[in-house]
Amino acid sequence: MTDIPRKAALQVIETVSQKKYSHLDRIITDVLDDSSLQLSFRDRKFANILIFGVLRNRETLDWVIRRFSKTRFKKINPKILNILRMGVYQIFFLDRVPDSAAVNTSVELAKQAAPAWVVKYVNAVLRNAARNPDALDFENIPAIPEERIAISTSFPRWLVKRWINRFGSETCESLCAAFNVVPPITIRCNALKIKRSDLQTMLAPHVRAIDTTLYGPEGLFFDSPEKPIQELSAFQQGFFQVQDEAAQLITHLLAPRPGETVLDACAGLGGKTGHIAQMMENRGQVIAADRDDKKLYHLRTAMAQLDLKIVTTRAHDFIEPAREFPYADFDRILLDAPCSGIGVIRRNPDTKWRVSASHLKKCAATQRRLLAAVSLLLKPGGTMVYGVCSIEPEENEQVVEDFLTTHPHFEIRREGGSLPFDPHRFISEDGYFRSFPHVHDMDGFFAVCLKRTE
């Protein structure tokens, strides 16, 4: 009998390995929502555990496989390699799965994909690994810091090397370890409909270990909801949106006010759009723009559920200079620019294996063009926040410094006294907001508040 959750997990992991996808959440949804699979809520949870576990620990898993495989690593068939990764992950990281079950189910998956001799190879590698419970003691890792950290924390060597050069070995290791921690589900209370304390009381019987966020005044976090988020009554009533605490703080940097006209230039699915309209008390106008019509459809659905009536969507790509935007003179603009996503590896561990140094340069070029384009729509005296979920300088201060060099009528707004959190915890003397998982226990974000002087 086919093991449906493991088969579904393997399909997602294969797609990620082939890099034939746009976003991990989307491919997971496409696979796990397939009606032919008929996955229960419990099956979906297990499939997700396998998917995220393998992606989060891939380098470590490969190190184990190399130790027990008589076949050269580069010669292993990609699908068989992913079956081995899933098997090794279950053996060493999932106590609730017996080693025999991890081996046998992996062998069954291999039977559907390979000849008998390959199936025997899978069986041999996993049984040898299971007989060596101390295989993760890392005693045989080279003493070179970047090798040791890359293998023990499962990060690509190029990224480890740049973080060692930037932060030092100890901080690099702490950062990698924090990125590997499974984050709680963090939500933002829709204060226009319910108080945060009342929402916490409402959710408490249906989740585990719910608490308020440390810095964001509207946030809650919890684990293990009894059903999918979208099926919770509080979600269906529009009482909250799922949003990391760091992302919530970015909207407070923008500080939108009731009655203003605000542009969310790369709105995506509308997490920050909803927060902007909420802070504006449903008074004024919010234009949510994005080049993806499908995202805007989901955004409109979310705004209706939240009962936010001041949001208007607009399909637009600001990278296309020939296309004029029909609105101008915004009081405030949020440019949550597309980026590498390195700052949200906790939630998207596939980013480790998808991003490269060259990718950072491409992202930065796009970010410069977007920032220049949307800045033309800000009225004199207006405020614009540039933000990315990345902690890399190419996408952070270097983009801003280049922009300021060519746009002298903009300056960094450094005051933070009106923020609902201690600005000194996040904002440097030069006015840059930075959050890190190993420092603030939230996603890695960068943002800066820019003011147009004329």
Protein backbone atom coordinates (compact mmCIF):
# COMPACT_ATOMS: atom_id res chain seq x y z
CA MET A 1 0.00 0.00 0.00
CA THR A 2 1.31 3.44 -0.93
CA ASP A 3 2.27 5.74 1.94
CA ILE A 4 0.38 8.86 0.81
CA PRO A 5 1.91 11.49 3.17
CA ARG A 6 5.46 10.38 2.37
CA LYS A 7 4.72 10.20 -1.35
CA ALA A 8 3.29 13.73 -1.27
CA ALA A 9 6.27 15.02 0.72
CA LEU A 10 8.67 13.43 -1.77
CA GLN A 11 6.86 15.12 -4.65
CA VAL A 12 7.29 18.54 -3.04
CA ILE A 13 10.95 17.93 -2.17
CA GLU A 14 11.66 16.77 -5.72
CA THR A 15 10.11 19.91 -7.15
CA VAL A 16 12.20 22.06 -4.84
CA SER A 17 15.36 20.16 -5.81
CA GLN A 18 14.63 20.80 -9.49
CA LYS A 19 14.05 24.52 -8.78
CA LYS A 20 10.94 24.41 -10.97
CA TYR A 21 8.72 26.47 -8.71
CA SER A 22 8.11 30.04 -7.60
CA HIS A 23 7.31 29.67 -3.92
CA LEU A 24 7.44 26.78 -1.47
CA ASP A 25 4.00 27.48 0.01
CA ARG A 26 2.46 27.40 -3.45
CA ILE A 27 3.90 24.03 -4.43
CA ILE A 28 2.95 22.56 -1.05
CA THR A 29 -0.60 23.79 -1.52
CA ASP A 30 -0.76 22.47 -5.08
CA VAL A 31 0.42 19.00 -4.00
CA LEU A 32 -1.30 18.56 -0.64
CA ASP A 33 -4.62 19.98 -1.86
CA ASP A 34 -4.76 17.43 -4.68
CA SER A 35 -8.17 15.82 -4.15
CA SER A 36 -6.92 12.44 -5.38
CA LEU A 37 -4.61 12.17 -2.37
CA GLN A 38 -7.40 12.65 0.20
CA LEU A 39 -4.95 13.69 2.93
CA SER A 40 -6.35 14.03 6.43
CA PHE A 41 -5.29 16.92 8.67
CA ARG A 42 -2.94 14.52 10.48
CA ASP A 43 -1.45 13.33 7.18
CA ARG A 44 -0.91 16.91 6.03
CA LYS A 45 0.90 17.72 9.26
CA PHE A 46 3.20 14.73 8.84
CA ALA A 47 3.88 15.56 5.20
CA ASN A 48 4.79 19.12 6.21
CA ILE A 49 7.08 17.83 8.95
CA LEU A 50 8.95 15.76 6.36
CA ILE A 51 9.09 18.56 3.79
CA PHE A 52 10.37 21.25 6.13
CA GLY A 53 12.58 18.83 8.06
CA VAL A 54 14.42 17.65 4.96
CA LEU A 55 14.79 21.16 3.53
CA ARG A 56 15.93 22.57 6.85
CA ASN A 57 18.55 19.85 7.42
CA ARG A 58 19.55 18.92 3.88
CA GLU A 59 23.29 19.53 4.19
CA THR A 60 23.46 17.50 7.40
CA LEU A 61 21.44 14.68 5.84
CA ASP A 62 23.75 14.62 2.82
CA TRP A 63 26.75 14.40 5.13
CA VAL A 64 25.23 11.30 6.75
CA ILE A 65 24.40 9.76 3.39
CA ARG A 66 28.00 10.26 2.22
CA ARG A 67 29.22 8.36 5.27
CA PHE A 68 27.13 5.26 4.55
CA SER A 69 26.88 5.24 0.76
CA LYS A 70 29.29 3.19 -1.35
CA THR A 71 28.06 5.06 -4.41
CA ARG A 72 29.69 8.42 -5.05
CA PHE A 73 27.32 11.17 -3.91
CA LYS A 74 27.17 12.90 -7.30
CA LYS A 75 26.26 9.59 -8.94
CA ILE A 76 23.12 9.07 -6.84
CA ASN A 77 19.91 9.47 -8.82
CA PRO A 78 18.18 12.73 -7.69
CA LYS A 79 14.91 11.02 -6.77
CA ILE A 80 16.72 8.26 -4.87
CA LEU A 81 18.76 10.92 -3.08
CA ASN A 82 15.58 12.62 -1.88
CA ILE A 83 14.18 9.26 -0.71
CA LEU A 84 17.40 8.73 1.25
CA ARG A 85 17.17 12.24 2.71
CA MET A 86 13.64 11.55 3.92
CA GLY A 87 14.69 8.23 5.40
CA VAL A 88 17.74 9.63 7.20
CA TYR A 89 15.68 12.54 8.51
CA GLN A 90 13.13 10.16 10.05
CA ILE A 91 15.87 8.01 11.60
CA PHE A 92 17.82 10.82 13.25
CA PHE A 93 15.30 13.62 13.76
CA LEU A 94 11.87 12.01 14.32
CA ASP A 95 11.78 10.02 17.55
CA ARG A 96 8.15 9.03 17.02
CA VAL A 97 8.97 7.16 13.80
CA PRO A 98 10.57 3.73 14.43
CA ASP A 99 13.76 3.15 12.46
CA SER A 100 12.18 0.10 10.85
CA ALA A 101 9.27 2.21 9.57
CA ALA A 102 11.65 4.85 8.22
CA VAL A 103 13.63 2.20 6.34
CA ASN A 104 10.69 0.17 5.07
CA THR A 105 8.65 3.11 3.79
CA SER A 106 11.72 4.50 2.02
CA VAL A 107 12.31 1.14 0.37
CA GLU A 108 8.68 1.10 -0.81
CA LEU A 109 9.10 4.56 -2.36
CA ALA A 110 12.28 3.38 -4.08
CA LYS A 111 10.46 0.37 -5.54
CA GLN A 112 8.17 2.76 -7.41
CA ALA A 113 11.09 4.64 -8.93
CA ALA A 114 14.05 2.32 -9.47
CA PRO A 115 15.21 -1.23 -10.32
CA ALA A 116 15.77 -3.89 -7.68
CA TRP A 117 19.50 -3.25 -7.23
CA VAL A 118 18.84 0.42 -6.41
CA VAL A 119 16.14 -0.61 -3.93
CA LYS A 120 18.71 -2.85 -2.21
CA TYR A 121 21.13 0.09 -2.14
CA VAL A 122 18.52 2.31 -0.41
CA ASN A 123 17.83 -0.45 2.09
CA ALA A 124 21.54 -0.93 2.83
CA VAL A 125 22.32 2.77 3.31
CA LEU A 126 19.41 3.37 5.66
CA ARG A 127 19.93 0.18 7.68
CA ASN A 128 23.60 1.04 8.15
CA ALA A 129 22.64 4.53 9.26
CA ALA A 130 20.03 3.18 11.69
CA ARG A 131 22.65 0.85 13.22
CA ASN A 132 24.84 3.89 14.02
CA PRO A 133 22.82 6.16 16.32
CA ASP A 134 25.89 8.31 16.98
CA ALA A 135 26.25 9.25 13.32
CA LEU A 136 25.37 12.86 14.11
CA ASP A 137 28.14 13.40 16.64
CA PHE A 138 29.99 15.44 13.98
CA GLU A 139 33.37 14.17 15.22
CA ASN A 140 34.56 13.67 11.66
CA ILE A 141 33.73 17.18 10.47
CA PRO A 142 36.84 19.14 9.39
CA ALA A 143 38.00 21.74 11.90
CA ILE A 144 37.66 24.53 9.34
CA PRO A 145 34.90 26.79 10.78
CA GLU A 146 32.92 27.17 7.56
CA GLU A 147 32.89 23.39 7.02
CA ARG A 148 31.92 22.64 10.60
CA ILE A 149 29.12 25.22 10.67
CA ALA A 150 27.84 24.34 7.20
CA ILE A 151 27.48 20.66 8.08
CA SER A 152 26.33 20.94 11.69
CA THR A 153 23.74 23.67 11.01
CA SER A 154 22.98 22.61 7.42
CA PHE A 155 23.70 25.83 5.54
CA PRO A 156 25.39 26.34 2.15
CA ARG A 157 29.08 27.06 2.44
CA TRP A 158 29.00 30.32 0.46
CA LEU A 159 26.47 31.79 2.88
CA VAL A 160 28.32 30.54 5.97
CA LYS A 161 31.57 31.98 4.66
CA ARG A 162 30.08 35.44 4.08
CA TRP A 163 28.45 35.46 7.54
CA ILE A 164 31.72 34.43 9.20
CA ASN A 165 33.47 37.31 7.42
CA ARG A 166 30.71 39.70 8.43
CA PHE A 167 29.79 38.60 11.97
CA GLY A 168 32.50 36.17 13.12
CA SER A 169 32.24 32.40 13.60
CA GLU A 170 30.36 32.44 16.91
CA THR A 171 27.63 34.84 15.76
CA CYS A 172 27.39 33.07 12.40
CA GLU A 173 26.72 29.78 14.17
CA SER A 174 24.10 31.40 16.42
CA LEU A 175 22.42 32.96 13.40
CA CYS A 176 22.31 29.64 11.51
CA ALA A 177 20.97 27.83 14.58
CA ALA A 178 18.23 30.46 15.03
CA PHE A 179 17.24 30.16 11.37
CA ASN A 180 16.79 26.41 11.95
CA VAL A 181 14.35 26.81 14.82
CA VAL A 182 10.79 26.02 13.78
CA PRO A 183 8.98 29.33 14.34
CA PRO A 184 5.59 29.59 16.04
CA ILE A 185 2.54 30.72 14.10
CA THR A 186 2.44 34.49 14.54
CA ILE A 187 -0.70 36.49 13.85
CA ARG A 188 -1.77 40.12 13.95
CA CYS A 189 -5.01 40.95 15.68
CA ASN A 190 -7.50 43.00 13.65
CA ALA A 191 -7.95 45.69 16.29
CA LEU A 192 -10.90 47.16 14.38
CA LYS A 193 -12.92 44.05 15.23
CA ILE A 194 -11.54 42.63 18.46
CA LYS A 195 -9.14 43.38 21.30
CA ARG A 196 -5.94 41.36 21.39
CA SER A 197 -6.71 40.05 24.88
CA ASP A 198 -10.15 38.87 23.75
CA LEU A 199 -8.68 37.18 20.69
CA GLN A 200 -6.12 35.42 22.88
CA THR A 201 -8.91 34.13 25.12
CA MET A 202 -10.92 33.01 22.10
CA LEU A 203 -8.01 31.08 20.54
CA ALA A 204 -6.54 29.57 23.71
CA PRO A 205 -8.73 26.41 23.79
CA HIS A 206 -7.86 25.61 20.18
CA VAL A 207 -4.07 26.08 20.14
CA ARG A 208 -1.04 25.38 22.31
CA ALA A 209 1.01 27.88 24.31
CA ILE A 210 -0.50 31.13 23.04
CA ASP A 211 1.14 34.39 24.13
CA THR A 212 1.50 38.03 23.12
CA THR A 213 4.38 39.21 20.94
CA LEU A 214 7.14 41.03 22.78
CA TYR A 215 7.33 44.14 20.60
CA GLY A 216 4.35 44.27 18.22
CA PRO A 217 1.27 45.66 20.03
CA GLU A 218 -1.19 43.65 17.92
CA GLY A 219 0.60 40.31 17.76
CA LEU A 220 0.02 36.83 19.20
CA PHE A 221 1.92 33.60 18.63
CA PHE A 222 1.04 29.97 19.26
CA ASP A 223 1.72 26.37 18.22
CA SER A 224 -0.28 23.34 17.14
CA PRO A 225 -3.74 24.63 16.17
CA GLU A 226 -6.33 21.87 16.35
CA LYS A 227 -7.32 22.48 12.72
CA PRO A 228 -5.98 24.41 9.70
CA ILE A 229 -5.75 28.15 10.35
CA GLN A 230 -8.33 28.99 7.69
CA GLU A 231 -10.85 26.76 9.46
CA LEU A 232 -10.56 28.51 12.83
CA SER A 233 -13.67 30.52 13.65
CA ALA A 234 -11.60 33.58 14.62
CA PHE A 235 -9.93 33.58 11.21
CA GLN A 236 -13.22 33.18 9.35
CA GLN A 237 -14.63 36.14 11.26
CA GLY A 238 -11.71 38.32 10.17
CA PHE A 239 -10.24 38.72 13.64
CA PHE A 240 -6.63 38.21 12.53
CA GLN A 241 -4.12 37.78 9.73
CA VAL A 242 -1.07 35.52 9.84
CA GLN A 243 1.99 37.76 9.91
CA ASP A 244 5.43 37.55 11.53
CA GLU A 245 6.20 40.07 14.25
CA ALA A 246 9.03 41.70 12.27
CA ALA A 247 6.66 42.33 9.35
CA GLN A 248 4.20 43.94 11.77
CA LEU A 249 6.86 46.37 12.96
CA ILE A 250 7.55 47.54 9.39
CA THR A 251 4.03 48.99 9.10
CA HIS A 252 4.59 50.90 12.33
CA LEU A 253 7.67 52.45 10.73
CA LEU A 254 5.43 53.66 7.91
CA ALA A 255 2.98 55.00 10.52
CA PRO A 256 -0.06 55.54 8.25
CA ARG A 257 -2.78 57.81 9.62
CA PRO A 258 -6.54 57.98 9.13
CA GLY A 259 -7.57 60.00 6.08
CA GLU A 260 -4.30 59.63 4.19
CA THR A 261 -3.69 58.18 0.74
CA VAL A 262 -1.22 55.31 0.92
CA LEU A 263 0.39 53.06 -1.70
CA ASP A 264 1.42 49.50 -0.94
CA ALA A 265 3.58 49.12 -4.02
CA CYS A 266 4.34 45.37 -3.92
CA ALA A 267 1.35 44.23 -1.91
CA GLY A 268 1.52 40.49 -2.57
CA LEU A 269 -1.13 38.67 -0.54
CA GLY A 270 -1.86 41.74 1.57
CA GLY A 271 -0.38 41.09 5.00
CA LYS A 272 0.96 44.63 5.32
CA THR A 273 -1.95 46.05 3.30
CA GLY A 274 -4.36 44.88 5.96
CA HIS A 275 -2.20 46.32 8.70
CA ILE A 276 -1.99 49.69 6.92
CA ALA A 277 -5.78 49.92 6.54
CA GLN A 278 -6.21 48.81 10.15
CA MET A 279 -3.87 51.54 11.44
CA MET A 280 -5.79 54.04 9.29
CA GLU A 281 -8.98 52.99 11.12
CA ASN A 282 -10.64 52.23 7.78
CA ARG A 283 -10.52 55.92 6.83
CA GLY A 284 -8.68 57.23 3.78
CA GLN A 285 -7.49 55.30 0.74
CA VAL A 286 -5.04 52.43 0.31
CA ILE A 287 -3.93 51.41 -3.18
CA ALA A 288 -2.57 47.87 -3.16
CA ALA A 289 -0.53 47.27 -6.30
CA ASP A 290 1.12 44.09 -7.52
CA ARG A 291 1.98 42.60 -10.89
CA ASP A 292 0.40 39.24 -9.96
CA ASP A 293 -3.37 39.20 -10.54
CA LYS A 294 -3.76 35.95 -8.58
CA LYS A 295 -2.20 37.52 -5.51
CA LEU A 296 -4.47 40.53 -5.82
CA TYR A 297 -7.50 38.24 -5.99
CA HIS A 298 -6.47 36.63 -2.69
CA LEU A 299 -5.74 40.08 -1.27
CA ARG A 300 -9.23 41.32 -2.07
CA THR A 301 -10.70 38.21 -0.46
CA ALA A 302 -8.64 38.83 2.68
CA MET A 303 -9.62 42.50 2.88
CA ALA A 304 -13.30 41.60 2.59
CA GLN A 305 -12.96 39.06 5.37
CA LEU A 306 -11.23 41.64 7.56
CA ASP A 307 -13.97 44.18 6.69
CA LEU A 308 -11.38 46.67 5.43
CA LYS A 309 -13.23 48.85 2.93
CA ILE A 310 -10.61 51.45 1.98
CA VAL A 311 -8.38 49.14 -0.08
CA THR A 312 -8.39 49.30 -3.88
CA THR A 313 -6.23 46.91 -5.91
CA ARG A 314 -4.28 47.71 -9.04
CA ALA A 315 -2.37 45.26 -11.25
CA HIS A 316 0.87 47.05 -12.06
CA ASP A 317 4.56 46.31 -12.54
CA PHE A 318 6.67 49.28 -11.48
CA ILE A 319 9.70 47.82 -13.21
CA GLU A 320 8.07 48.64 -16.57
CA PRO A 321 8.92 52.34 -17.10
CA ALA A 322 6.53 52.69 -20.05
CA ARG A 323 3.51 51.95 -17.91
CA GLU A 324 2.24 55.01 -16.08
CA PHE A 325 0.58 54.54 -12.72
CA PRO A 326 -2.80 56.31 -12.62
CA TYR A 327 -2.29 57.63 -9.07
CA ALA A 328 0.23 60.11 -7.68
CA ASP A 329 0.92 62.39 -4.71
CA PHE A 330 0.73 59.69 -2.04
CA ASP A 331 1.13 60.71 1.57
CA ARG A 332 2.97 57.47 2.30
CA ILE A 333 4.37 54.60 0.25
CA LEU A 334 5.41 51.17 1.38
CA LEU A 335 7.81 49.36 -0.94
CA ASP A 336 8.14 45.85 0.45
CA ALA A 337 10.38 44.89 -2.43
CA PRO A 338 10.91 41.40 -3.86
CA CYS A 339 14.16 40.03 -2.49
CA SER A 340 16.23 36.93 -1.83
CA GLY A 341 14.12 36.02 1.21
CA ILE A 342 17.20 35.11 3.24
CA GLY A 343 15.67 36.76 6.30
CA VAL A 344 12.72 34.33 6.35
CA ILE A 345 14.65 31.07 6.09
CA ARG A 346 12.94 29.97 9.32
CA ARG A 347 9.67 29.75 7.40
CA ASN A 348 11.09 28.98 3.93
CA PRO A 349 14.12 26.71 4.39
CA ASP A 350 14.23 26.01 0.66
CA THR A 351 15.75 29.50 0.32
CA LYS A 352 19.05 28.07 1.57
CA TRP A 353 19.39 25.97 -1.57
CA ARG A 354 17.67 28.30 -4.03
CA VAL A 355 19.56 31.56 -3.50
CA SER A 356 23.11 32.33 -4.64
CA ALA A 357 25.47 35.30 -4.48
CA SER A 358 24.60 36.17 -8.08
CA HIS A 359 20.92 36.09 -7.15
CA LEU A 360 21.55 38.82 -4.56
CA LYS A 361 22.93 41.09 -7.27
CA LYS A 362 19.90 40.49 -9.49
CA CYS A 363 17.55 41.26 -6.60
CA ALA A 364 19.43 44.45 -5.79
CA ALA A 365 19.16 45.66 -9.39
CA THR A 366 15.40 45.11 -9.31
CA GLN A 367 15.10 46.84 -5.95
CA ARG A 368 16.94 49.93 -7.21
CA ARG A 369 14.62 50.21 -10.19
CA LEU A 370 11.51 49.77 -8.06
CA LEU A 371 12.65 52.31 -5.48
CA ALA A 372 13.38 54.90 -8.14
CA ALA A 373 10.01 54.29 -9.85
CA VAL A 374 7.74 54.47 -6.81
CA SER A 375 9.57 57.48 -5.34
CA LEU A 376 8.12 59.59 -8.16
CA LEU A 377 4.65 59.02 -6.73
CA LEU A 378 5.38 60.43 -3.27
CA LYS A 379 4.31 64.00 -2.62
CA PRO A 380 6.71 66.54 -1.07
CA GLY A 381 6.87 66.03 2.67
CA GLY A 382 5.63 62.47 2.28
CA THR A 383 7.14 59.34 3.79
CA MET A 384 8.30 56.19 2.04
CA VAL A 385 9.45 52.95 3.69
CA TYR A 386 11.75 50.64 1.77
CA GLY A 387 11.86 47.17 3.27
CA VAL A 388 13.01 43.64 2.42
CA CYS A 389 12.98 40.32 4.25
CA SER A 390 16.72 40.00 3.75
CA ILE A 391 19.71 40.69 5.99
CA GLU A 392 22.24 41.03 3.18
CA PRO A 393 23.96 44.42 2.56
CA GLU A 394 23.50 44.22 -1.23
CA GLU A 395 19.73 44.38 -0.73
CA ASN A 396 19.81 46.62 2.32
CA GLU A 397 21.92 49.73 2.90
CA GLN A 398 23.68 49.53 -0.46
CA VAL A 399 20.37 49.95 -2.30
CA VAL A 400 19.40 52.88 -0.07
CA GLU A 401 22.77 54.60 -0.36
CA ASP A 402 22.67 54.34 -4.15
CA PHE A 403 19.15 55.77 -4.17
CA LEU A 404 20.06 58.73 -1.95
CA THR A 405 23.06 59.53 -4.16
CA THR A 406 20.81 59.96 -7.20
CA HIS A 407 17.80 61.41 -5.36
CA PRO A 408 19.06 64.34 -3.25
CA HIS A 409 15.51 65.46 -2.37
CA PHE A 410 15.15 62.38 -0.14
CA GLU A 411 16.63 61.86 3.31
CA ILE A 412 16.48 59.20 5.99
CA ARG A 413 13.98 59.95 8.73
CA ARG A 414 15.73 58.90 11.93
CA GLU A 415 13.26 59.83 14.65
CA GLY A 416 11.50 56.90 16.28
CA GLY A 417 9.89 58.34 19.38
CA SER A 418 6.32 57.59 18.26
CA LEU A 419 6.94 53.90 17.62
CA PRO A 420 5.11 51.41 19.88
CA PHE A 421 8.39 49.58 20.52
CA ASP A 422 11.87 50.59 21.67
CA PRO A 423 13.53 51.89 18.49
CA HIS A 424 17.00 51.40 19.96
CA ARG A 425 16.41 47.64 19.88
CA PHE A 426 16.07 47.71 16.11
CA ILE A 427 17.11 51.04 14.57
CA SER A 428 20.78 52.00 14.22
CA GLU A 429 22.14 55.53 14.47
CA ASP A 430 22.08 55.81 10.69
CA GLY A 431 18.33 55.13 10.69
CA TYR A 432 18.31 51.53 9.46
CA PHE A 433 15.84 49.06 10.96
CA ARG A 434 17.21 45.53 11.31
CA SER A 435 15.76 42.43 12.96
CA PHE A 436 17.52 39.09 13.38
CA PRO A 437 16.19 35.71 14.54
CA HIS A 438 19.12 35.11 16.91
CA VAL A 439 18.71 38.54 18.52
CA HIS A 440 14.97 39.30 18.42
CA ASP A 441 13.43 35.83 17.92
CA MET A 442 11.68 36.96 14.74
CA ASP A 443 12.33 36.95 11.01
CA GLY A 444 15.23 38.89 9.54
CA PHE A 445 14.07 42.21 8.09
CA PHE A 446 15.63 45.43 6.90
CA ALA A 447 13.79 48.71 6.47
CA VAL A 448 14.41 52.42 6.29
CA CYS A 449 12.04 55.37 6.45
CA LEU A 450 12.71 57.96 3.73
CA LYS A 451 11.25 61.47 3.63
CA ARG A 452 10.84 63.58 0.51
CA THR A 453 12.02 67.08 1.32
CA GLU A 454 10.75 68.85 -1.81
